[in-house]
Amino acid sequence: MKKENQLLKQLEQIEVPKPALQQARLLAVKRRQKEKRRRKYTIRSGLVVALFFISFTTSIRLSPQMAEAAAKIPLLAPFVEMITYDKGLEDILANNYVEDIVVEIESNGKKFIITSVVADESGLLLAYRFENDEPMKRQVDFTEVKLMQDGEALPTGVTMYFNNVENETIFENRMDFIFDEKLKLNGNDFELVVQLNDKSKTIFTLPFTLSKQVAHSKKYVLNEQLLIDGQEIYVNSLQISPLRAEVNFTIPETNTKRILDFDLRLVDETSEEWGTIKNGASGYGSIRSGTYTSFMQSNYFREPKSLTLIVENVTALEKGRDYIEVDFSKKQVLHVPEELDLTLEIPSETSIYAIYPLATAAHNKSLVSALIDAHGQEWSSIQSTSKVDESKESESTYLFEKGFANPVKMYIEHYPLFLNGSAEVELPIR
């Protein structure tokens, strides 16, 4: 272990070579292409706030030259996948907007190490390293994660990612804290608190201080009304920070259709594009509630002459025909809109199995995420499992906790019925 720590310290002192970013991106793209060739993949998500569990079943195979380049890039080990999905992170690395903060604590034969941090007004991205004194038999379970200032937990959401760690003693990954929009930071001193679900209920408390000035977000007030196939969408504002761009929308109740989803692109004068976040938290709020903020890849470090926001591929269902009705106690499907191609089964009193079409096999999105019971109480799905093959159909199962009153309504969250047309908003570049 001493030898390994010495090597890590030596690597931290190596400067980042300019060609390395391109090599790392190529590496991640190749890995992604390899994964796409698989005919089937399974996604398991425990839907608790913004917590995502991602298990990696294949290891990255590097040539000695590529391994050397990868090792020289701060955050590359935890973030090699994100470089493929997120052009903003690539810009962060290229512009050295990364804090190499090494803070570690050891307890009960386990060690937690903060290795790097990226912070802005929208959130904080933290890379960490976890070490165990013996091979791990199962996934490490973090029962509580808090980001603190002045002894108080900050109002944040957190997205966490986990490796397949069976029989390993070490793993590296990241935590993505998303700040409440009204949060004002009080200085650069923070504290990370992590509790494990082990026998000892181990708690790690790691204080750290940012040395870099937190970059101020670029804010655009838009107040643009868009009309797509007779349905209105209001684009209120755009905020661009190093970690992400945030677009805030309002969906009027006067629409005859309930908008389910849409795609976003930012395009500059050279036709370079930045899309939505694909491998992490996608936003907050909900389109169904009428107010929604979508996360996009950031172009914060660019200086475009023009920038256009494109809203396209809008999916929607007629209001009143946008839900299914189920009685779990009787294992009966009571209502399905006739225009929807759905196969539904009720395997138990707390689960529903669905087969439904997708726009593409790569866009596997949940059919439902919650139910509203007979008393009007909303229950979120506690677990979902889905399988997709080349037929562009999703086979999904959604599990709920016991206790809800039947019958229930389940509003459709995603379905590939598209509105005609798209819309654009020109940003007032200063």
Protein backbone atom coordinates (compact mmCIF):
# COMPACT_ATOMS: atom_id res chain seq x y z
CA MET A 1 0.00 0.00 0.00
CA LYS A 2 2.90 2.39 0.74
CA LYS A 3 4.32 1.80 -2.72
CA GLU A 4 0.92 2.47 -4.27
CA ASN A 5 0.55 5.74 -2.35
CA GLN A 6 4.01 6.85 -3.50
CA LEU A 7 3.04 6.18 -7.11
CA LEU A 8 -0.18 8.15 -6.69
CA LYS A 9 1.74 11.14 -5.31
CA GLN A 10 4.14 10.99 -8.24
CA LEU A 11 1.25 10.95 -10.71
CA GLU A 12 -0.36 13.98 -9.07
CA GLN A 13 2.79 16.00 -9.80
CA ILE A 14 2.74 15.27 -13.55
CA GLU A 15 1.41 18.09 -15.72
CA VAL A 16 -1.55 17.43 -17.99
CA PRO A 17 -0.45 16.99 -21.63
CA LYS A 18 -2.67 18.82 -24.14
CA PRO A 19 -3.17 15.78 -26.45
CA ALA A 20 -4.25 13.67 -23.50
CA LEU A 21 -7.80 15.01 -23.46
CA GLN A 22 -8.33 13.91 -27.05
CA GLN A 23 -6.86 10.48 -26.27
CA ALA A 24 -9.04 10.08 -23.21
CA ARG A 25 -12.16 11.08 -25.13
CA LEU A 26 -11.30 8.57 -27.86
CA LEU A 27 -10.86 5.89 -25.22
CA ALA A 28 -14.25 6.59 -23.69
CA VAL A 29 -15.97 6.71 -27.10
CA LYS A 30 -14.51 3.33 -28.02
CA ARG A 31 -15.74 1.88 -24.77
CA ARG A 32 -19.22 3.29 -25.37
CA GLN A 33 -19.30 1.87 -28.91
CA LYS A 34 -18.37 -1.54 -27.55
CA GLU A 35 -21.24 -1.39 -25.08
CA LYS A 36 -23.71 -0.39 -27.83
CA ARG A 37 -22.92 -3.55 -29.77
CA ARG A 38 -24.43 -5.64 -27.00
CA ARG A 39 -27.95 -6.69 -28.04
CA LYS A 40 -29.44 -6.32 -24.59
CA TYR A 41 -28.67 -4.34 -21.51
CA THR A 42 -30.32 -4.09 -18.12
CA ILE A 43 -30.80 -0.92 -16.17
CA ARG A 44 -31.64 -1.12 -12.49
CA SER A 45 -32.50 2.09 -10.74
CA GLY A 46 -33.55 2.67 -7.14
CA LEU A 47 -35.65 5.82 -7.45
CA VAL A 48 -34.66 7.65 -4.26
CA VAL A 49 -34.32 11.43 -4.78
CA ALA A 50 -31.55 11.72 -7.37
CA LEU A 51 -29.62 8.58 -6.48
CA PHE A 52 -28.47 6.54 -9.44
CA PHE A 53 -26.73 3.15 -9.17
CA ILE A 54 -24.47 2.38 -12.12
CA SER A 55 -22.61 -0.94 -12.15
CA PHE A 56 -19.72 -1.36 -14.54
CA THR A 57 -19.30 -4.99 -15.64
CA THR A 58 -16.36 -4.53 -17.97
CA SER A 59 -12.98 -2.98 -17.23
CA ILE A 60 -11.19 -0.44 -19.36
CA ARG A 61 -8.31 -2.05 -21.20
CA LEU A 62 -5.51 0.44 -21.83
CA SER A 63 -2.33 0.27 -23.81
CA PRO A 64 0.70 1.47 -21.78
CA GLN A 65 0.68 4.76 -23.72
CA MET A 66 -3.03 5.33 -23.12
CA ALA A 67 -2.72 4.37 -19.46
CA GLU A 68 0.05 6.93 -19.01
CA ALA A 69 -2.02 9.65 -20.66
CA ALA A 70 -5.09 8.74 -18.60
CA ALA A 71 -3.15 8.76 -15.33
CA LYS A 72 -1.92 12.30 -15.98
CA ILE A 73 -5.39 13.81 -16.17
CA PRO A 74 -6.99 14.91 -12.87
CA LEU A 75 -10.37 13.22 -12.28
CA LEU A 76 -9.96 10.90 -15.28
CA ALA A 77 -10.30 7.66 -13.32
CA PRO A 78 -13.72 8.60 -11.87
CA PHE A 79 -14.81 10.64 -14.88
CA VAL A 80 -13.65 8.75 -17.99
CA GLU A 81 -17.27 7.92 -18.84
CA MET A 82 -18.41 11.51 -18.34
CA ILE A 83 -15.95 12.84 -20.91
CA THR A 84 -17.91 10.90 -23.54
CA TYR A 85 -21.30 12.15 -22.35
CA ASP A 86 -20.40 15.64 -21.16
CA LYS A 87 -18.43 18.16 -23.26
CA GLY A 88 -18.59 20.59 -20.35
CA LEU A 89 -16.40 18.34 -18.20
CA GLU A 90 -13.88 18.13 -21.03
CA ASP A 91 -13.73 21.94 -21.04
CA ILE A 92 -13.34 21.98 -17.26
CA LEU A 93 -10.28 19.73 -17.52
CA ALA A 94 -8.82 21.65 -20.45
CA ASN A 95 -9.18 24.96 -18.57
CA ASN A 96 -7.75 23.59 -15.31
CA TYR A 97 -10.92 24.42 -13.39
CA VAL A 98 -10.31 21.50 -11.03
CA GLU A 99 -9.20 21.52 -7.41
CA ASP A 100 -6.78 18.70 -6.54
CA ILE A 101 -7.80 18.38 -2.90
CA VAL A 102 -6.49 15.32 -1.07
CA VAL A 103 -8.23 14.76 2.26
CA GLU A 104 -8.46 11.31 3.82
CA ILE A 105 -9.78 9.64 6.94
CA GLU A 106 -9.55 6.04 8.13
CA SER A 107 -11.95 4.18 10.40
CA ASN A 108 -12.78 0.53 11.10
CA GLY A 109 -10.36 -0.74 8.47
CA LYS A 110 -11.83 1.51 5.80
CA LYS A 111 -10.44 4.67 4.22
CA PHE A 112 -12.28 7.45 2.39
CA ILE A 113 -10.22 9.92 0.35
CA ILE A 114 -11.39 13.08 -1.43
CA THR A 115 -9.14 13.44 -4.48
CA SER A 116 -10.56 16.32 -6.55
CA VAL A 117 -13.39 18.84 -6.51
CA VAL A 118 -15.12 21.05 -9.08
CA ALA A 119 -17.46 23.69 -7.65
CA ASP A 120 -19.59 26.45 -9.11
CA GLU A 121 -22.85 28.23 -8.30
CA SER A 122 -24.92 25.27 -9.54
CA GLY A 123 -23.27 22.51 -7.55
CA LEU A 124 -20.17 20.60 -6.55
CA LEU A 125 -18.64 17.57 -8.25
CA LEU A 126 -16.42 15.49 -5.98
CA ALA A 127 -14.09 12.63 -6.92
CA TYR A 128 -13.26 10.14 -4.18
CA ARG A 129 -11.37 6.95 -3.49
CA PHE A 130 -12.59 4.22 -1.11
CA GLU A 131 -10.27 1.59 0.34
CA ASN A 132 -11.11 -1.50 2.40
CA ASP A 133 -8.61 -3.60 4.33
CA GLU A 134 -10.02 -6.80 2.81
CA PRO A 135 -11.79 -7.70 -0.46
CA MET A 136 -15.35 -6.39 -0.54
CA LYS A 137 -18.08 -9.03 -0.87
CA ARG A 138 -20.84 -6.67 -1.95
CA GLN A 139 -21.60 -3.14 -3.04
CA VAL A 140 -20.62 -0.44 -0.55
CA ASP A 141 -23.82 1.16 0.73
CA PHE A 142 -23.75 4.85 1.70
CA THR A 143 -26.81 5.36 3.89
CA GLU A 144 -26.24 9.09 4.32
CA VAL A 145 -24.22 11.68 2.41
CA LYS A 146 -24.22 15.35 3.44
CA LEU A 147 -22.34 18.43 2.30
CA MET A 148 -21.94 20.81 5.23
CA GLN A 149 -21.06 24.45 5.85
CA ASP A 150 -20.80 26.03 9.31
CA GLY A 151 -22.13 22.84 10.89
CA GLU A 152 -25.31 22.85 8.81
CA ALA A 153 -26.24 20.51 5.95
CA LEU A 154 -26.57 22.43 2.69
CA PRO A 155 -29.86 22.05 0.78
CA THR A 156 -28.61 19.86 -2.06
CA GLY A 157 -29.57 16.84 -4.08
CA VAL A 158 -26.84 14.31 -4.71
CA THR A 159 -26.26 11.85 -7.54
CA MET A 160 -23.90 9.00 -6.68
CA TYR A 161 -22.30 6.38 -8.89
CA PHE A 162 -21.02 2.97 -7.83
CA ASN A 163 -18.67 0.41 -9.31
CA ASN A 164 -18.93 -3.35 -9.29
CA VAL A 165 -16.53 -3.87 -6.36
CA GLU A 166 -16.89 -7.57 -5.59
CA ASN A 167 -13.51 -9.01 -4.53
CA GLU A 168 -11.88 -5.57 -4.82
CA THR A 169 -10.21 -3.59 -2.03
CA ILE A 170 -10.26 -0.19 -3.78
CA PHE A 171 -12.64 1.75 -5.98
CA GLU A 172 -12.83 5.33 -7.26
CA ASN A 173 -15.92 7.26 -8.24
CA ARG A 174 -17.75 10.57 -7.91
CA MET A 175 -20.58 12.42 -6.18
CA ASP A 176 -22.51 15.20 -7.91
CA PHE A 177 -24.13 17.68 -5.49
CA ILE A 178 -26.80 19.91 -7.03
CA PHE A 179 -27.41 23.13 -5.14
CA ASP A 180 -30.83 24.56 -4.42
CA GLU A 181 -31.33 27.52 -6.76
CA LYS A 182 -31.60 29.91 -3.80
CA LEU A 183 -28.49 28.63 -2.03
CA LYS A 184 -25.79 31.19 -1.26
CA LEU A 185 -22.47 29.69 -0.20
CA ASN A 186 -20.77 31.09 2.88
CA GLY A 187 -17.10 30.99 2.00
CA ASN A 188 -14.96 28.15 0.65
CA ASP A 189 -14.87 25.83 3.68
CA PHE A 190 -16.92 22.62 3.43
CA GLU A 191 -17.33 19.32 5.22
CA LEU A 192 -18.34 16.02 3.63
CA VAL A 193 -20.12 13.53 5.89
CA VAL A 194 -20.57 9.95 4.66
CA GLN A 195 -22.14 7.12 6.65
CA LEU A 196 -21.79 3.47 5.65
CA ASN A 197 -24.35 0.72 6.13
CA ASP A 198 -21.82 -1.63 7.72
CA LYS A 199 -21.92 -3.34 11.11
CA SER A 200 -20.14 -0.42 12.76
CA LYS A 201 -22.24 2.25 10.99
CA THR A 202 -18.94 3.89 10.07
CA ILE A 203 -19.03 7.67 9.62
CA PHE A 204 -16.42 9.63 7.69
CA THR A 205 -16.18 13.38 8.26
CA LEU A 206 -13.84 15.15 5.85
CA PRO A 207 -13.29 18.93 5.98
CA PHE A 208 -11.92 20.58 2.84
CA THR A 209 -11.32 24.10 1.53
CA LEU A 210 -11.55 25.39 -2.03
CA SER A 211 -8.65 27.57 -3.12
CA LYS A 212 -10.08 28.62 -6.49
CA GLN A 213 -12.61 31.41 -6.84
CA VAL A 214 -16.03 29.93 -7.62
CA ALA A 215 -16.93 30.94 -11.18
CA HIS A 216 -19.99 33.16 -11.52
CA SER A 217 -22.75 31.77 -13.72
CA LYS A 218 -23.75 33.41 -16.99
CA LYS A 219 -27.45 34.24 -16.71
CA TYR A 220 -29.90 34.97 -19.52
CA VAL A 221 -33.49 36.12 -18.94
CA LEU A 222 -35.41 34.89 -22.00
CA ASN A 223 -39.20 34.94 -21.36
CA GLU A 224 -39.89 33.40 -24.75
CA GLN A 225 -43.22 31.82 -25.69
CA LEU A 226 -42.90 28.83 -28.03
CA LEU A 227 -45.78 27.30 -29.99
CA ILE A 228 -45.28 23.75 -31.26
CA ASP A 229 -48.20 21.98 -32.95
CA GLY A 230 -50.70 24.09 -31.02
CA GLN A 231 -49.06 23.52 -27.62
CA GLU A 232 -47.27 26.24 -25.66
CA ILE A 233 -43.94 26.08 -23.85
CA TYR A 234 -42.47 29.09 -22.05
CA VAL A 235 -38.68 29.34 -21.84
CA ASN A 236 -38.04 31.51 -18.79
CA SER A 237 -34.29 31.60 -18.34
CA LEU A 238 -30.93 29.99 -19.03
CA GLN A 239 -28.04 29.82 -16.58
CA ILE A 240 -24.65 28.51 -17.74
CA SER A 241 -22.13 27.37 -15.12
CA PRO A 242 -18.97 25.29 -15.61
CA LEU A 243 -20.67 22.06 -14.47
CA ARG A 244 -23.96 22.44 -16.30
CA ALA A 245 -26.36 24.73 -18.11
CA GLU A 246 -29.85 25.03 -16.61
CA VAL A 247 -32.90 25.90 -18.71
CA ASN A 248 -36.08 26.78 -16.82
CA PHE A 249 -39.48 26.11 -18.45
CA THR A 250 -43.13 26.69 -17.64
CA ILE A 251 -45.82 24.53 -19.27
CA PRO A 252 -49.26 26.27 -19.32
CA GLU A 253 -52.28 24.39 -17.97
CA THR A 254 -54.26 25.70 -20.95
CA ASN A 255 -52.57 23.24 -23.32
CA THR A 256 -54.94 20.58 -24.66
CA LYS A 257 -52.18 17.99 -24.46
CA ARG A 258 -49.90 17.10 -21.56
CA ILE A 259 -46.32 17.46 -22.66
CA LEU A 260 -44.23 14.49 -21.57
CA ASP A 261 -40.71 15.24 -22.71
CA PHE A 262 -38.57 17.09 -25.24
CA ASP A 263 -34.99 17.28 -26.45
CA LEU A 264 -32.78 20.34 -26.16
CA ARG A 265 -29.72 21.53 -28.07
CA LEU A 266 -27.53 24.59 -27.77
CA VAL A 267 -25.93 25.42 -31.13
CA ASP A 268 -23.28 28.06 -31.80
CA GLU A 269 -22.34 29.88 -35.02
CA THR A 270 -20.06 27.00 -36.11
CA SER A 271 -22.90 24.44 -35.68
CA GLU A 272 -21.20 22.89 -32.65
CA GLU A 273 -23.82 21.42 -30.34
CA TRP A 274 -24.30 20.87 -26.62
CA GLY A 275 -27.10 18.49 -25.61
CA THR A 276 -28.84 17.48 -22.41
CA ILE A 277 -27.07 15.58 -19.63
CA LYS A 278 -27.18 11.87 -20.50
CA ASN A 279 -25.25 10.25 -17.67
CA GLY A 280 -26.40 11.87 -14.45
CA ALA A 281 -29.11 14.06 -12.99
CA SER A 282 -31.21 15.47 -15.85
CA GLY A 283 -32.94 18.29 -13.99
CA TYR A 284 -35.35 19.10 -11.19
CA GLY A 285 -39.04 19.77 -10.89
CA SER A 286 -41.37 17.95 -13.26
CA ILE A 287 -42.98 18.76 -16.58
CA ARG A 288 -46.31 17.44 -15.27
CA SER A 289 -46.26 19.96 -12.40
CA GLY A 290 -45.86 22.79 -14.91
CA THR A 291 -42.40 24.00 -13.86
CA TYR A 292 -39.25 22.21 -14.88
CA THR A 293 -35.51 22.90 -15.08
CA SER A 294 -33.50 20.80 -17.52
CA PHE A 295 -29.74 20.27 -17.25
CA MET A 296 -27.59 20.59 -20.35
CA GLN A 297 -23.91 20.21 -21.13
CA SER A 298 -22.06 23.44 -20.45
CA ASN A 299 -20.18 25.66 -22.89
CA TYR A 300 -19.16 28.03 -20.10
CA PHE A 301 -15.52 28.29 -21.19
CA ARG A 302 -16.39 29.04 -24.82
CA GLU A 303 -16.97 32.50 -26.29
CA PRO A 304 -19.54 31.95 -29.06
CA LYS A 305 -20.58 34.76 -31.35
CA SER A 306 -24.13 33.41 -31.37
CA LEU A 307 -26.00 30.74 -29.45
CA THR A 308 -29.38 29.18 -30.25
CA LEU A 309 -31.52 27.00 -27.99
CA ILE A 310 -33.48 24.41 -30.00
CA VAL A 311 -36.52 22.62 -28.51
CA GLU A 312 -37.47 19.54 -30.54
CA ASN A 313 -38.82 15.97 -30.46
CA VAL A 314 -41.65 16.99 -28.14
CA THR A 315 -43.79 14.08 -26.95
CA ALA A 316 -47.33 14.63 -25.64
CA LEU A 317 -50.63 12.88 -24.90
CA GLU A 318 -54.19 14.19 -24.91
CA LYS A 319 -55.23 15.25 -21.41
CA GLY A 320 -57.58 12.71 -19.89
CA ARG A 321 -55.97 10.02 -22.04
CA ASP A 322 -52.56 10.20 -20.42
CA TYR A 323 -52.83 7.64 -17.62
CA ILE A 324 -53.49 3.99 -16.89
CA GLU A 325 -55.69 2.73 -14.07
CA VAL A 326 -54.92 -0.43 -12.11
CA ASP A 327 -56.31 -2.39 -9.17
CA PHE A 328 -53.31 -4.19 -7.71
CA SER A 329 -55.35 -6.06 -5.10
CA LYS A 330 -57.41 -7.71 -7.86
CA LYS A 331 -54.47 -7.83 -10.28
CA GLN A 332 -56.60 -6.06 -12.88
CA VAL A 333 -55.79 -3.39 -15.47
CA LEU A 334 -58.87 -1.14 -15.49
CA HIS A 335 -58.00 1.47 -18.12
CA VAL A 336 -55.45 1.94 -20.91
CA PRO A 337 -55.80 4.70 -23.55
CA GLU A 338 -56.60 2.92 -26.81
CA GLU A 339 -54.00 4.86 -28.83
CA LEU A 340 -51.18 3.50 -26.65
CA ASP A 341 -49.49 0.24 -27.61
CA LEU A 342 -49.03 -1.22 -24.13
CA THR A 343 -48.89 -4.71 -22.70
CA LEU A 344 -49.50 -4.65 -18.95
CA GLU A 345 -49.44 -7.38 -16.32
CA ILE A 346 -49.81 -7.28 -12.53
CA PRO A 347 -47.45 -9.95 -11.13
CA SER A 348 -47.99 -8.95 -7.49
CA GLU A 349 -49.93 -6.53 -5.30
CA THR A 350 -47.08 -4.01 -5.44
CA SER A 351 -45.60 -4.38 -8.93
CA ILE A 352 -46.55 -3.82 -12.56
CA TYR A 353 -44.89 -5.24 -15.68
CA ALA A 354 -45.06 -3.25 -18.93
CA ILE A 355 -43.97 -3.69 -22.53
CA TYR A 356 -44.00 -0.43 -24.49
CA PRO A 357 -42.35 1.07 -27.60
CA LEU A 358 -39.35 3.39 -27.58
CA ALA A 359 -38.34 6.04 -30.09
CA THR A 360 -34.92 4.36 -30.27
CA ALA A 361 -33.32 1.51 -28.36
CA ALA A 362 -30.82 4.00 -26.92
CA HIS A 363 -33.58 6.15 -25.35
CA ASN A 364 -34.96 3.84 -22.69
CA LYS A 365 -37.09 6.03 -20.45
CA SER A 366 -39.56 5.02 -17.76
CA LEU A 367 -43.19 4.57 -18.75
CA VAL A 368 -44.31 5.54 -15.23
CA SER A 369 -42.58 6.63 -12.04
CA ALA A 370 -45.37 7.00 -9.49
CA LEU A 371 -48.97 6.13 -8.69
CA ILE A 372 -51.81 8.13 -7.17
CA ASP A 373 -53.92 5.96 -4.92
CA ALA A 374 -57.66 6.06 -4.19
CA HIS A 375 -57.08 8.62 -1.41
CA GLY A 376 -55.15 10.96 -3.70
CA GLN A 377 -51.79 10.15 -2.13
CA GLU A 378 -48.79 9.87 -4.47
CA TRP A 379 -46.40 6.92 -4.13
CA SER A 380 -43.11 6.90 -6.01
CA SER A 381 -41.70 3.70 -7.45
CA ILE A 382 -38.98 2.34 -5.16
CA GLN A 383 -37.30 0.23 -7.82
CA SER A 384 -37.47 -0.32 -11.55
CA THR A 385 -35.89 -2.88 -13.85
CA SER A 386 -35.89 -2.61 -17.63
CA LYS A 387 -34.58 -4.61 -20.56
CA VAL A 388 -34.26 -3.40 -24.14
CA ASP A 389 -33.30 -5.17 -27.33
CA GLU A 390 -33.08 -4.23 -31.00
CA SER A 391 -36.86 -4.34 -31.42
CA LYS A 392 -37.01 -0.88 -29.76
CA GLU A 393 -39.31 -2.12 -27.02
CA SER A 394 -38.78 -1.83 -23.30
CA GLU A 395 -39.76 -4.61 -20.91
CA SER A 396 -39.99 -2.93 -17.53
CA THR A 397 -41.12 -3.75 -14.02
CA TYR A 398 -41.98 -1.08 -11.44
CA LEU A 399 -42.13 -1.88 -7.72
CA PHE A 400 -43.98 0.12 -5.05
CA GLU A 401 -44.12 -0.02 -1.28
CA LYS A 402 -47.12 -1.64 0.39
CA GLY A 403 -49.89 0.44 1.90
CA PHE A 404 -51.53 2.34 -0.97
CA ALA A 405 -55.30 2.24 -1.49
CA ASN A 406 -56.66 0.67 -4.69
CA PRO A 407 -57.57 1.42 -7.43
CA VAL A 408 -54.73 3.67 -8.54
CA LYS A 409 -53.88 6.00 -11.43
CA MET A 410 -50.44 5.98 -13.03
CA TYR A 411 -49.67 8.94 -15.30
CA ILE A 412 -47.56 8.18 -18.37
CA GLU A 413 -44.12 9.80 -18.10
CA HIS A 414 -42.65 8.86 -21.48
CA TYR A 415 -44.21 7.55 -24.69
CA PRO A 416 -43.09 8.14 -28.32
CA LEU A 417 -46.04 10.16 -29.65
CA PHE A 418 -44.48 13.32 -31.10
CA LEU A 419 -45.81 16.78 -31.82
CA ASN A 420 -45.07 18.18 -35.27
CA GLY A 421 -42.36 20.80 -35.43
CA SER A 422 -39.72 22.40 -33.24
CA ALA A 423 -38.83 25.89 -31.99
CA GLU A 424 -35.75 28.05 -31.51
CA VAL A 425 -34.68 30.79 -29.11
CA GLU A 426 -31.78 33.12 -29.94
CA LEU A 427 -29.73 33.95 -26.86
CA PRO A 428 -28.72 37.58 -26.25
CA ILE A 429 -24.95 36.99 -26.25
CA ARG A 430 -23.11 39.83 -24.53
